[in-house]
Amino acid sequence: MKKYKIYKHIGSLSQVNNGWIKELNLISWDDREPVYDIRTWNDGHTEYGKGVTITAGQMAILKTLLNEMEVF
């Protein structure tokens, strides 16, 4: 398991069938620069599933894209 530090819990997106919660967090993996991270976590944040990491620059682009998008 990788070393990580959650700097900021931004929000919960959903709860999956096993009770874990898909979250958006600002997190540092292996003492690297913090990134935005979407993945599932168990209740105590001691175990995690596969996820996606996004740099601050990528998050700014994603935010712009989402703001321009029509919700369907």
N, C-alpha and C. Protein backbone atom coordinates (compact mmCIF):
# COMPACT_ATOMS: atom_id res chain seq x y z
N MET A 1 0.84 -1.18 0.00
CA MET A 1 0.00 0.00 0.00
C MET A 1 0.89 1.24 0.00
N LYS A 2 0.50 2.24 -0.78
CA LYS A 2 1.28 3.47 -0.87
C LYS A 2 1.09 4.34 0.37
N LYS A 3 2.09 5.19 0.61
CA LYS A 3 1.99 6.19 1.67
C LYS A 3 1.17 7.35 1.13
N TYR A 4 0.24 7.87 1.93
CA TYR A 4 -0.59 8.98 1.49
C TYR A 4 -0.98 9.86 2.66
N LYS A 5 -1.31 11.11 2.32
CA LYS A 5 -1.83 12.05 3.31
C LYS A 5 -2.96 12.83 2.65
N ILE A 6 -4.14 12.75 3.25
CA ILE A 6 -5.28 13.50 2.75
C ILE A 6 -5.22 14.90 3.36
N TYR A 7 -5.00 15.91 2.51
CA TYR A 7 -4.92 17.29 2.98
C TYR A 7 -6.30 17.91 3.14
N LYS A 8 -7.22 17.56 2.22
CA LYS A 8 -8.55 18.14 2.30
C LYS A 8 -9.57 17.20 1.68
N HIS A 9 -10.61 16.88 2.45
CA HIS A 9 -11.74 16.13 1.91
C HIS A 9 -12.67 17.15 1.28
N ILE A 10 -12.85 17.08 -0.03
CA ILE A 10 -13.66 18.06 -0.74
C ILE A 10 -15.12 17.64 -0.76
N GLY A 11 -15.37 16.35 -0.94
CA GLY A 11 -16.76 15.90 -0.92
C GLY A 11 -16.91 14.45 -1.27
N SER A 12 -18.07 13.92 -0.91
CA SER A 12 -18.43 12.53 -1.23
C SER A 12 -19.32 12.53 -2.46
N LEU A 13 -19.05 11.60 -3.37
CA LEU A 13 -19.82 11.52 -4.61
C LEU A 13 -20.92 10.46 -4.55
N SER A 14 -20.61 9.31 -3.96
CA SER A 14 -21.59 8.24 -3.88
C SER A 14 -21.08 7.15 -2.96
N GLN A 15 -21.98 6.27 -2.58
CA GLN A 15 -21.61 5.09 -1.80
C GLN A 15 -21.82 3.87 -2.67
N VAL A 16 -20.83 3.00 -2.73
CA VAL A 16 -20.93 1.81 -3.56
C VAL A 16 -21.47 0.64 -2.74
N ASN A 17 -21.77 -0.46 -3.40
CA ASN A 17 -22.45 -1.60 -2.77
C ASN A 17 -21.74 -2.16 -1.54
N ASN A 18 -20.40 -2.10 -1.51
CA ASN A 18 -19.67 -2.68 -0.37
C ASN A 18 -19.59 -1.71 0.81
N GLY A 19 -20.25 -0.55 0.72
CA GLY A 19 -20.24 0.42 1.81
C GLY A 19 -19.16 1.46 1.70
N TRP A 20 -18.22 1.27 0.77
CA TRP A 20 -17.18 2.26 0.58
C TRP A 20 -17.76 3.51 -0.07
N ILE A 21 -17.08 4.64 0.09
CA ILE A 21 -17.58 5.90 -0.42
C ILE A 21 -16.62 6.45 -1.46
N LYS A 22 -17.18 6.84 -2.63
CA LYS A 22 -16.38 7.49 -3.66
C LYS A 22 -16.26 8.96 -3.28
N GLU A 23 -15.00 9.44 -3.19
CA GLU A 23 -14.74 10.78 -2.68
C GLU A 23 -13.82 11.57 -3.62
N LEU A 24 -13.92 12.89 -3.50
CA LEU A 24 -12.96 13.79 -4.11
C LEU A 24 -12.15 14.40 -2.98
N ASN A 25 -10.84 14.19 -3.03
CA ASN A 25 -9.94 14.68 -1.99
C ASN A 25 -8.73 15.36 -2.62
N LEU A 26 -8.08 16.22 -1.84
CA LEU A 26 -6.76 16.73 -2.19
C LEU A 26 -5.79 15.89 -1.38
N ILE A 27 -4.92 15.15 -2.07
CA ILE A 27 -4.12 14.13 -1.41
C ILE A 27 -2.70 14.10 -1.96
N SER A 28 -1.75 13.73 -1.12
CA SER A 28 -0.37 13.54 -1.54
C SER A 28 -0.07 12.04 -1.47
N TRP A 29 0.46 11.51 -2.55
CA TRP A 29 0.88 10.11 -2.61
C TRP A 29 2.40 10.05 -2.53
N ASP A 30 2.93 9.25 -1.63
CA ASP A 30 4.38 9.03 -1.50
C ASP A 30 5.15 10.35 -1.39
N ASP A 31 4.65 11.26 -0.57
CA ASP A 31 5.30 12.55 -0.29
C ASP A 31 5.47 13.45 -1.52
N ARG A 32 4.68 13.21 -2.56
CA ARG A 32 4.74 14.08 -3.74
C ARG A 32 3.78 15.25 -3.56
N GLU A 33 3.79 16.16 -4.53
CA GLU A 33 2.90 17.32 -4.49
C GLU A 33 1.44 16.85 -4.48
N PRO A 34 0.59 17.50 -3.67
CA PRO A 34 -0.81 17.09 -3.61
C PRO A 34 -1.52 17.20 -4.95
N VAL A 35 -2.42 16.28 -5.20
CA VAL A 35 -3.24 16.23 -6.41
C VAL A 35 -4.69 16.02 -6.01
N TYR A 36 -5.59 16.36 -6.92
CA TYR A 36 -7.00 16.03 -6.71
C TYR A 36 -7.16 14.57 -7.05
N ASP A 37 -7.97 13.88 -6.28
CA ASP A 37 -8.04 12.43 -6.36
C ASP A 37 -9.49 11.98 -6.20
N ILE A 38 -9.96 11.17 -7.14
CA ILE A 38 -11.29 10.57 -7.05
C ILE A 38 -11.11 9.07 -6.94
N ARG A 39 -11.58 8.48 -5.82
CA ARG A 39 -11.50 7.04 -5.64
C ARG A 39 -12.42 6.62 -4.48
N THR A 40 -12.63 5.32 -4.33
CA THR A 40 -13.42 4.82 -3.21
C THR A 40 -12.52 4.55 -2.02
N TRP A 41 -13.09 4.80 -0.83
CA TRP A 41 -12.39 4.60 0.43
C TRP A 41 -13.28 3.84 1.39
N ASN A 42 -12.65 3.06 2.27
CA ASN A 42 -13.42 2.46 3.35
C ASN A 42 -13.70 3.53 4.40
N ASP A 43 -14.45 3.19 5.42
CA ASP A 43 -14.90 4.16 6.41
C ASP A 43 -13.76 4.86 7.13
N GLY A 44 -12.69 4.17 7.43
CA GLY A 44 -11.58 4.76 8.18
C GLY A 44 -10.44 5.30 7.33
N HIS A 45 -10.62 5.32 6.02
CA HIS A 45 -9.57 5.74 5.09
C HIS A 45 -8.28 4.93 5.26
N THR A 46 -8.43 3.64 5.60
CA THR A 46 -7.27 2.77 5.72
C THR A 46 -7.09 1.89 4.48
N GLU A 47 -8.15 1.78 3.66
CA GLU A 47 -8.08 1.02 2.42
C GLU A 47 -8.74 1.84 1.33
N TYR A 48 -8.29 1.62 0.10
CA TYR A 48 -8.81 2.39 -1.02
C TYR A 48 -8.86 1.55 -2.27
N GLY A 49 -9.70 1.98 -3.21
CA GLY A 49 -9.81 1.32 -4.50
C GLY A 49 -9.03 2.08 -5.56
N LYS A 50 -9.16 1.63 -6.80
CA LYS A 50 -8.50 2.32 -7.91
C LYS A 50 -9.15 3.69 -8.09
N GLY A 51 -8.35 4.63 -8.55
CA GLY A 51 -8.87 5.97 -8.71
C GLY A 51 -8.19 6.73 -9.82
N VAL A 52 -8.51 8.01 -9.86
CA VAL A 52 -7.96 8.92 -10.86
C VAL A 52 -7.37 10.11 -10.12
N THR A 53 -6.15 10.51 -10.50
CA THR A 53 -5.55 11.70 -9.91
C THR A 53 -5.50 12.79 -10.97
N ILE A 54 -5.68 14.04 -10.53
CA ILE A 54 -5.75 15.18 -11.44
C ILE A 54 -4.91 16.31 -10.84
N THR A 55 -4.00 16.85 -11.60
CA THR A 55 -3.20 17.98 -11.12
C THR A 55 -4.08 19.22 -11.01
N ALA A 56 -3.55 20.26 -10.37
CA ALA A 56 -4.30 21.51 -10.23
C ALA A 56 -4.61 22.10 -11.60
N GLY A 57 -3.65 22.05 -12.52
CA GLY A 57 -3.89 22.56 -13.87
C GLY A 57 -4.96 21.78 -14.60
N GLN A 58 -4.92 20.46 -14.48
CA GLN A 58 -5.95 19.62 -15.10
C GLN A 58 -7.31 19.87 -14.47
N MET A 59 -7.35 20.12 -13.16
CA MET A 59 -8.61 20.39 -12.48
C MET A 59 -9.22 21.69 -12.99
N ALA A 60 -8.39 22.71 -13.23
CA ALA A 60 -8.89 23.98 -13.77
C ALA A 60 -9.52 23.76 -15.14
N ILE A 61 -8.89 22.97 -15.98
CA ILE A 61 -9.44 22.66 -17.31
C ILE A 61 -10.74 21.87 -17.17
N LEU A 62 -10.74 20.87 -16.30
CA LEU A 62 -11.95 20.06 -16.08
C LEU A 62 -13.10 20.93 -15.59
N LYS A 63 -12.82 21.84 -14.67
CA LYS A 63 -13.85 22.73 -14.15
C LYS A 63 -14.46 23.57 -15.27
N THR A 64 -13.62 24.10 -16.14
CA THR A 64 -14.10 24.88 -17.28
C THR A 64 -14.97 24.03 -18.19
N LEU A 65 -14.51 22.82 -18.49
CA LEU A 65 -15.28 21.91 -19.34
C LEU A 65 -16.65 21.58 -18.72
N LEU A 66 -16.67 21.31 -17.43
CA LEU A 66 -17.92 20.97 -16.76
C LEU A 66 -18.86 22.17 -16.71
N ASN A 67 -18.33 23.37 -16.51
CA ASN A 67 -19.17 24.56 -16.49
C ASN A 67 -19.80 24.82 -17.86
N GLU A 68 -19.11 24.45 -18.92
CA GLU A 68 -19.61 24.65 -20.29
C GLU A 68 -20.57 23.55 -20.72
N MET A 69 -20.58 22.45 -20.04
CA MET A 69 -21.36 21.28 -20.42
C MET A 69 -22.82 21.41 -20.02
N GLU A 70 -23.70 20.97 -20.90
CA GLU A 70 -25.11 20.88 -20.55
C GLU A 70 -25.34 19.56 -19.83
N VAL A 71 -26.06 19.62 -18.72
CA VAL A 71 -26.38 18.40 -18.00
C VAL A 71 -27.50 17.68 -18.74
N PHE A 72 -27.33 16.40 -18.94
CA PHE A 72 -28.35 15.64 -19.68
C PHE A 72 -28.99 14.62 -18.79
